[in-house]
Amino acid sequence: MTIFDFFRPTRSAPVARDRLQILLQHERVSAGASDLVAILREEILAVISRHVDIPSDKVQVKMQRDEAVSTLEVEIELPNPIRRRAA
């Protein structure tokens, strides 16, 4: 890579390919949305459990789809006081 590479116009094919891959992934997720929510819930719970002791029923994950946007809502009820997981 040289300094002149910065002044070359970027090719649109790689950008279009990346955008198409994102679109295809979004469409695949739309087909299996219920599976995605369950997988996300388990992964979020696993990450939180590494740091805080929390019952699995205290994590709620909801996905809403509209025509233009998809919304992922995560609700986590933390204990008071927070009980940190032993390292």
Foldseek 3Di string as FASTA:
>chain_A
DDPCVVVDDDDCVVVVVVVVVVVVVVVVCVVVVVVVQVVVLVVVVVVVVQWFDDDSVQWDWDWDDDPPDIDIDIGGDADVPTDTDDD
